N, C-alpha and C. Protein backbone atom coordinates (compact mmCIF):
# COMPACT_ATOMS: atom_id res chain seq x y z
N MET A 1 -4.52 11.92 0.26
CA MET A 1 -4.02 10.68 0.79
C MET A 1 -3.93 10.77 2.31
N THR A 2 -3.44 11.89 2.82
CA THR A 2 -3.29 12.05 4.26
C THR A 2 -4.64 12.03 4.95
N ARG A 3 -5.61 12.75 4.41
CA ARG A 3 -6.95 12.76 5.01
C ARG A 3 -7.55 11.36 5.04
N ALA A 4 -7.39 10.63 3.96
CA ALA A 4 -7.91 9.26 3.90
C ALA A 4 -7.23 8.38 4.93
N SER A 5 -5.91 8.50 5.04
CA SER A 5 -5.17 7.69 5.99
C SER A 5 -5.60 7.98 7.42
N ILE A 6 -5.78 9.24 7.74
CA ILE A 6 -6.22 9.62 9.09
C ILE A 6 -7.63 9.10 9.35
N ALA A 7 -8.51 9.25 8.37
CA ALA A 7 -9.90 8.79 8.53
C ALA A 7 -9.98 7.27 8.65
N TRP A 8 -9.03 6.57 8.07
CA TRP A 8 -9.05 5.10 8.05
C TRP A 8 -8.55 4.49 9.36
N VAL A 9 -7.72 5.19 10.12
CA VAL A 9 -7.05 4.62 11.29
C VAL A 9 -8.00 3.95 12.29
N PRO A 10 -9.09 4.58 12.70
CA PRO A 10 -9.96 3.88 13.68
C PRO A 10 -10.50 2.57 13.11
N GLN A 11 -10.57 1.55 13.94
CA GLN A 11 -11.10 0.26 13.50
C GLN A 11 -12.52 0.41 12.93
N ASP A 12 -13.31 1.29 13.51
CA ASP A 12 -14.71 1.47 13.07
C ASP A 12 -14.85 2.69 12.14
N HIS A 13 -13.88 2.86 11.24
CA HIS A 13 -13.87 4.01 10.34
C HIS A 13 -15.09 4.01 9.40
N ASP A 14 -15.40 5.19 8.90
CA ASP A 14 -16.47 5.37 7.92
C ASP A 14 -15.89 5.07 6.53
N GLU A 15 -16.15 3.86 6.05
CA GLU A 15 -15.56 3.40 4.79
C GLU A 15 -15.91 4.32 3.61
N THR A 16 -17.13 4.81 3.57
CA THR A 16 -17.55 5.69 2.48
C THR A 16 -16.73 6.98 2.48
N ARG A 17 -16.50 7.53 3.66
CA ARG A 17 -15.71 8.76 3.79
C ARG A 17 -14.26 8.52 3.37
N VAL A 18 -13.69 7.42 3.84
CA VAL A 18 -12.30 7.10 3.48
C VAL A 18 -12.18 6.92 1.97
N ARG A 19 -13.09 6.17 1.38
CA ARG A 19 -13.05 5.93 -0.07
C ARG A 19 -13.18 7.25 -0.83
N ALA A 20 -14.02 8.16 -0.35
CA ALA A 20 -14.19 9.46 -1.01
C ALA A 20 -12.88 10.27 -0.98
N PHE A 21 -12.18 10.23 0.15
CA PHE A 21 -10.88 10.92 0.23
C PHE A 21 -9.88 10.31 -0.75
N TYR A 22 -9.83 8.98 -0.81
CA TYR A 22 -8.91 8.32 -1.75
C TYR A 22 -9.28 8.66 -3.19
N GLU A 23 -10.56 8.63 -3.49
CA GLU A 23 -11.00 8.96 -4.86
C GLU A 23 -10.61 10.38 -5.22
N GLN A 24 -10.76 11.31 -4.29
CA GLN A 24 -10.37 12.70 -4.53
C GLN A 24 -8.86 12.78 -4.82
N PHE A 25 -8.07 12.08 -4.02
CA PHE A 25 -6.62 12.06 -4.25
C PHE A 25 -6.31 11.52 -5.64
N TYR A 26 -6.94 10.41 -6.01
CA TYR A 26 -6.63 9.80 -7.30
C TYR A 26 -7.15 10.62 -8.48
N ARG A 27 -8.19 11.40 -8.29
CA ARG A 27 -8.63 12.32 -9.36
C ARG A 27 -7.53 13.35 -9.65
N ILE A 28 -6.93 13.88 -8.57
CA ILE A 28 -5.84 14.85 -8.73
C ILE A 28 -4.62 14.17 -9.35
N ALA A 29 -4.28 12.98 -8.85
CA ALA A 29 -3.12 12.25 -9.37
C ALA A 29 -3.29 11.95 -10.86
N ARG A 30 -4.49 11.54 -11.25
CA ARG A 30 -4.72 11.24 -12.67
C ARG A 30 -4.58 12.50 -13.52
N ARG A 31 -5.13 13.59 -13.04
CA ARG A 31 -5.09 14.85 -13.79
C ARG A 31 -3.65 15.26 -14.14
N TYR A 32 -2.73 15.07 -13.20
CA TYR A 32 -1.36 15.55 -13.41
C TYR A 32 -0.38 14.45 -13.83
N SER A 33 -0.82 13.21 -13.88
CA SER A 33 0.10 12.12 -14.20
C SER A 33 0.09 11.69 -15.66
N GLY A 34 -1.01 11.95 -16.34
CA GLY A 34 -1.14 11.44 -17.70
C GLY A 34 -1.62 10.00 -17.74
N LEU A 35 -1.84 9.40 -16.58
CA LEU A 35 -2.37 8.03 -16.53
C LEU A 35 -3.87 8.07 -16.76
N THR A 36 -4.47 6.92 -17.03
CA THR A 36 -5.89 6.89 -17.42
C THR A 36 -6.76 6.02 -16.53
N PHE A 37 -6.31 5.71 -15.34
CA PHE A 37 -7.09 4.86 -14.43
C PHE A 37 -8.37 5.55 -13.98
N ALA A 38 -9.31 4.75 -13.48
CA ALA A 38 -10.56 5.27 -12.91
C ALA A 38 -10.31 5.60 -11.44
N PRO A 39 -10.44 6.87 -11.04
CA PRO A 39 -10.17 7.25 -9.66
C PRO A 39 -11.01 6.48 -8.63
N ALA A 40 -12.27 6.19 -8.95
CA ALA A 40 -13.11 5.44 -8.01
C ALA A 40 -12.54 4.04 -7.78
N GLN A 41 -12.11 3.39 -8.84
CA GLN A 41 -11.53 2.04 -8.72
C GLN A 41 -10.21 2.10 -7.97
N ALA A 42 -9.37 3.08 -8.26
CA ALA A 42 -8.09 3.23 -7.55
C ALA A 42 -8.33 3.47 -6.07
N GLY A 43 -9.32 4.29 -5.74
CA GLY A 43 -9.65 4.55 -4.34
C GLY A 43 -10.14 3.31 -3.63
N LYS A 44 -10.95 2.53 -4.32
CA LYS A 44 -11.45 1.27 -3.76
C LYS A 44 -10.30 0.32 -3.47
N LEU A 45 -9.35 0.24 -4.39
CA LEU A 45 -8.20 -0.65 -4.21
C LEU A 45 -7.27 -0.16 -3.11
N GLU A 46 -7.14 1.15 -2.97
CA GLU A 46 -6.32 1.71 -1.89
C GLU A 46 -6.92 1.34 -0.54
N LEU A 47 -8.23 1.41 -0.43
CA LEU A 47 -8.91 1.02 0.80
C LEU A 47 -8.72 -0.48 1.07
N ARG A 48 -8.84 -1.29 0.03
CA ARG A 48 -8.60 -2.74 0.19
C ARG A 48 -7.17 -3.02 0.63
N TYR A 49 -6.22 -2.28 0.03
CA TYR A 49 -4.81 -2.42 0.42
C TYR A 49 -4.66 -2.16 1.92
N ASN A 50 -5.25 -1.07 2.41
CA ASN A 50 -5.15 -0.76 3.84
C ASN A 50 -5.76 -1.87 4.69
N ASP A 51 -6.92 -2.33 4.32
CA ASP A 51 -7.60 -3.37 5.10
C ASP A 51 -6.80 -4.67 5.10
N VAL A 52 -6.31 -5.08 3.94
CA VAL A 52 -5.54 -6.32 3.87
C VAL A 52 -4.23 -6.17 4.65
N HIS A 53 -3.58 -5.03 4.50
CA HIS A 53 -2.32 -4.82 5.22
C HIS A 53 -2.56 -4.89 6.73
N ARG A 54 -3.62 -4.28 7.20
CA ARG A 54 -3.92 -4.32 8.65
C ARG A 54 -4.12 -5.76 9.11
N ARG A 55 -4.85 -6.54 8.34
CA ARG A 55 -5.15 -7.92 8.74
C ARG A 55 -3.97 -8.86 8.58
N ARG A 56 -3.10 -8.61 7.60
CA ARG A 56 -2.05 -9.57 7.26
C ARG A 56 -0.65 -9.16 7.73
N SER A 57 -0.49 -7.97 8.31
CA SER A 57 0.86 -7.47 8.57
C SER A 57 1.69 -8.38 9.47
N ASP A 58 1.06 -9.06 10.40
CA ASP A 58 1.82 -9.93 11.30
C ASP A 58 1.70 -11.41 10.93
N LYS A 59 1.18 -11.68 9.75
CA LYS A 59 0.99 -13.06 9.30
C LYS A 59 2.03 -13.40 8.23
N PRO A 60 2.54 -14.63 8.24
CA PRO A 60 3.54 -15.00 7.23
C PRO A 60 2.95 -15.15 5.82
N ASP A 61 1.68 -15.51 5.71
CA ASP A 61 1.05 -15.71 4.40
C ASP A 61 0.67 -14.35 3.81
N LYS A 62 1.33 -13.96 2.73
CA LYS A 62 1.11 -12.65 2.11
C LYS A 62 0.40 -12.75 0.76
N ILE A 63 -0.19 -13.89 0.46
CA ILE A 63 -0.82 -14.10 -0.86
C ILE A 63 -1.90 -13.05 -1.13
N GLU A 64 -2.78 -12.82 -0.16
CA GLU A 64 -3.85 -11.83 -0.35
C GLU A 64 -3.28 -10.43 -0.51
N PHE A 65 -2.24 -10.12 0.26
CA PHE A 65 -1.59 -8.80 0.18
C PHE A 65 -0.95 -8.60 -1.20
N ILE A 66 -0.26 -9.60 -1.68
CA ILE A 66 0.35 -9.52 -3.02
C ILE A 66 -0.74 -9.38 -4.09
N ALA A 67 -1.84 -10.08 -3.92
CA ALA A 67 -2.93 -10.02 -4.91
C ALA A 67 -3.52 -8.61 -4.99
N VAL A 68 -3.78 -7.99 -3.85
CA VAL A 68 -4.36 -6.64 -3.88
C VAL A 68 -3.35 -5.63 -4.41
N MET A 69 -2.08 -5.81 -4.08
CA MET A 69 -1.06 -4.90 -4.61
C MET A 69 -0.91 -5.08 -6.12
N THR A 70 -1.01 -6.31 -6.59
CA THR A 70 -0.93 -6.57 -8.03
C THR A 70 -2.09 -5.87 -8.75
N GLU A 71 -3.29 -6.04 -8.23
CA GLU A 71 -4.46 -5.40 -8.85
C GLU A 71 -4.34 -3.88 -8.80
N ARG A 72 -3.86 -3.36 -7.68
CA ARG A 72 -3.70 -1.91 -7.52
C ARG A 72 -2.71 -1.36 -8.55
N HIS A 73 -1.53 -1.98 -8.65
CA HIS A 73 -0.53 -1.51 -9.61
C HIS A 73 -1.01 -1.67 -11.04
N SER A 74 -1.67 -2.77 -11.34
CA SER A 74 -2.20 -3.01 -12.68
C SER A 74 -3.21 -1.93 -13.05
N THR A 75 -4.11 -1.62 -12.13
CA THR A 75 -5.16 -0.62 -12.37
C THR A 75 -4.58 0.77 -12.54
N ILE A 76 -3.73 1.18 -11.62
CA ILE A 76 -3.21 2.55 -11.64
C ILE A 76 -2.29 2.78 -12.84
N PHE A 77 -1.42 1.83 -13.13
CA PHE A 77 -0.42 2.04 -14.17
C PHE A 77 -0.83 1.51 -15.54
N GLY A 78 -2.02 0.89 -15.61
CA GLY A 78 -2.52 0.42 -16.90
C GLY A 78 -1.68 -0.68 -17.50
N ILE A 79 -1.22 -1.60 -16.65
CA ILE A 79 -0.40 -2.72 -17.11
C ILE A 79 -1.11 -4.02 -16.76
N THR A 80 -0.68 -5.10 -17.35
CA THR A 80 -1.31 -6.39 -17.07
C THR A 80 -0.97 -6.83 -15.65
N PRO A 81 -1.82 -7.65 -15.04
CA PRO A 81 -1.49 -8.20 -13.72
C PRO A 81 -0.15 -8.95 -13.73
N ALA A 82 0.14 -9.65 -14.82
CA ALA A 82 1.42 -10.36 -14.90
C ALA A 82 2.59 -9.38 -14.83
N ASP A 83 2.45 -8.25 -15.51
CA ASP A 83 3.51 -7.24 -15.48
C ASP A 83 3.58 -6.51 -14.14
N ALA A 84 2.46 -6.44 -13.43
CA ALA A 84 2.41 -5.74 -12.15
C ALA A 84 2.87 -6.61 -10.99
N ARG A 85 2.89 -7.90 -11.17
CA ARG A 85 3.15 -8.84 -10.07
C ARG A 85 4.50 -8.60 -9.39
N PHE A 86 5.58 -8.46 -10.13
CA PHE A 86 6.89 -8.29 -9.52
C PHE A 86 6.93 -7.02 -8.68
N SER A 87 6.40 -5.93 -9.22
CA SER A 87 6.34 -4.67 -8.49
C SER A 87 5.55 -4.84 -7.19
N ALA A 88 4.44 -5.55 -7.26
CA ALA A 88 3.62 -5.79 -6.07
C ALA A 88 4.37 -6.62 -5.04
N GLU A 89 5.07 -7.64 -5.49
CA GLU A 89 5.84 -8.48 -4.56
C GLU A 89 6.92 -7.66 -3.86
N GLN A 90 7.59 -6.79 -4.61
CA GLN A 90 8.64 -5.95 -4.01
C GLN A 90 8.04 -4.96 -3.02
N ARG A 91 6.89 -4.42 -3.35
CA ARG A 91 6.23 -3.48 -2.44
C ARG A 91 5.82 -4.18 -1.14
N VAL A 92 5.34 -5.41 -1.23
CA VAL A 92 4.98 -6.18 -0.03
C VAL A 92 6.23 -6.46 0.80
N LEU A 93 7.34 -6.81 0.16
CA LEU A 93 8.58 -7.01 0.91
C LEU A 93 9.01 -5.73 1.62
N ALA A 94 8.87 -4.59 0.95
CA ALA A 94 9.20 -3.31 1.59
C ALA A 94 8.27 -3.06 2.77
N ASN A 95 6.97 -3.34 2.60
CA ASN A 95 6.02 -3.19 3.70
C ASN A 95 6.41 -4.07 4.88
N ASN A 96 6.83 -5.30 4.59
CA ASN A 96 7.24 -6.22 5.66
C ASN A 96 8.41 -5.65 6.45
N THR A 97 9.37 -5.05 5.75
CA THR A 97 10.52 -4.45 6.42
C THR A 97 10.08 -3.29 7.31
N VAL A 98 9.25 -2.41 6.79
CA VAL A 98 8.75 -1.28 7.57
C VAL A 98 7.94 -1.78 8.77
N ASP A 99 7.13 -2.81 8.56
CA ASP A 99 6.35 -3.38 9.67
C ASP A 99 7.25 -3.91 10.77
N ARG A 100 8.36 -4.56 10.41
CA ARG A 100 9.31 -5.06 11.42
C ARG A 100 9.91 -3.91 12.21
N ILE A 101 10.22 -2.81 11.53
CA ILE A 101 10.77 -1.64 12.22
C ILE A 101 9.71 -1.05 13.14
N ASN A 102 8.51 -0.82 12.63
CA ASN A 102 7.45 -0.19 13.41
C ASN A 102 6.98 -1.03 14.58
N SER A 103 7.07 -2.34 14.46
CA SER A 103 6.64 -3.22 15.56
C SER A 103 7.77 -3.47 16.55
N LYS A 104 8.91 -2.81 16.31
CA LYS A 104 10.07 -2.90 17.21
C LYS A 104 10.59 -4.33 17.36
N GLN A 105 10.55 -5.09 16.27
CA GLN A 105 11.07 -6.45 16.30
C GLN A 105 12.59 -6.49 16.28
N SER A 106 13.22 -5.39 15.85
CA SER A 106 14.68 -5.32 15.89
C SER A 106 15.12 -5.09 17.33
N THR A 107 16.15 -5.80 17.79
CA THR A 107 16.63 -5.61 19.16
C THR A 107 17.55 -4.41 19.28
N ASN A 108 18.15 -3.97 18.20
CA ASN A 108 19.01 -2.79 18.21
C ASN A 108 18.58 -1.90 17.06
N VAL A 109 17.56 -1.09 17.30
CA VAL A 109 16.93 -0.32 16.23
C VAL A 109 17.91 0.68 15.61
N GLU A 110 18.72 1.36 16.44
CA GLU A 110 19.65 2.34 15.87
C GLU A 110 20.61 1.68 14.89
N LYS A 111 21.18 0.56 15.28
CA LYS A 111 22.13 -0.14 14.41
C LYS A 111 21.41 -0.72 13.19
N ALA A 112 20.22 -1.26 13.41
CA ALA A 112 19.50 -1.92 12.33
C ALA A 112 18.82 -0.94 11.39
N SER A 113 18.55 0.29 11.85
CA SER A 113 17.75 1.20 11.02
C SER A 113 18.42 1.49 9.69
N GLY A 114 19.73 1.65 9.66
CA GLY A 114 20.42 1.87 8.39
C GLY A 114 20.28 0.68 7.47
N ARG A 115 20.41 -0.51 8.02
CA ARG A 115 20.26 -1.73 7.22
C ARG A 115 18.84 -1.83 6.69
N HIS A 116 17.84 -1.59 7.56
CA HIS A 116 16.44 -1.68 7.14
C HIS A 116 16.11 -0.60 6.10
N ALA A 117 16.60 0.61 6.33
CA ALA A 117 16.31 1.70 5.38
C ALA A 117 16.87 1.35 4.01
N GLY A 118 18.08 0.79 3.98
CA GLY A 118 18.66 0.36 2.70
C GLY A 118 17.84 -0.72 2.05
N SER A 119 17.33 -1.63 2.87
CA SER A 119 16.46 -2.71 2.39
C SER A 119 15.21 -2.15 1.74
N VAL A 120 14.57 -1.22 2.43
CA VAL A 120 13.33 -0.63 1.92
C VAL A 120 13.62 0.10 0.61
N ARG A 121 14.68 0.90 0.57
CA ARG A 121 15.00 1.64 -0.67
C ARG A 121 15.24 0.69 -1.83
N SER A 122 15.91 -0.43 -1.57
CA SER A 122 16.20 -1.36 -2.67
C SER A 122 14.95 -2.07 -3.16
N LEU A 123 13.92 -2.15 -2.32
CA LEU A 123 12.70 -2.85 -2.70
C LEU A 123 11.68 -1.94 -3.38
N LEU A 124 11.84 -0.64 -3.23
CA LEU A 124 10.86 0.28 -3.81
C LEU A 124 11.21 0.69 -5.21
């Protein structure tokens, strides 16, 4: 996961390389988790998640972000999209909180960090 994340950071990243790192991670995760997802599909969705998050992080419309998170959770955990939707929505809310912290939108980060951290924990 770390190698994929590092490889993905540049705007002009090598998508094939990033996807290969994600697929490798998900092969290991599947082996030890007992889950039955396809590592290639999970890696593809992880890459889509990163791309959508990058494009939508500062936008109020999160429909596309929720959709990719729903598909990702459904695929990885072997549940229906309807069952994955709430989890995806909560994950997007947690991402929004972390994005606000990372973009320094809080005027008093030290005071707000405890509140934000509690928010993130409650959403995950």
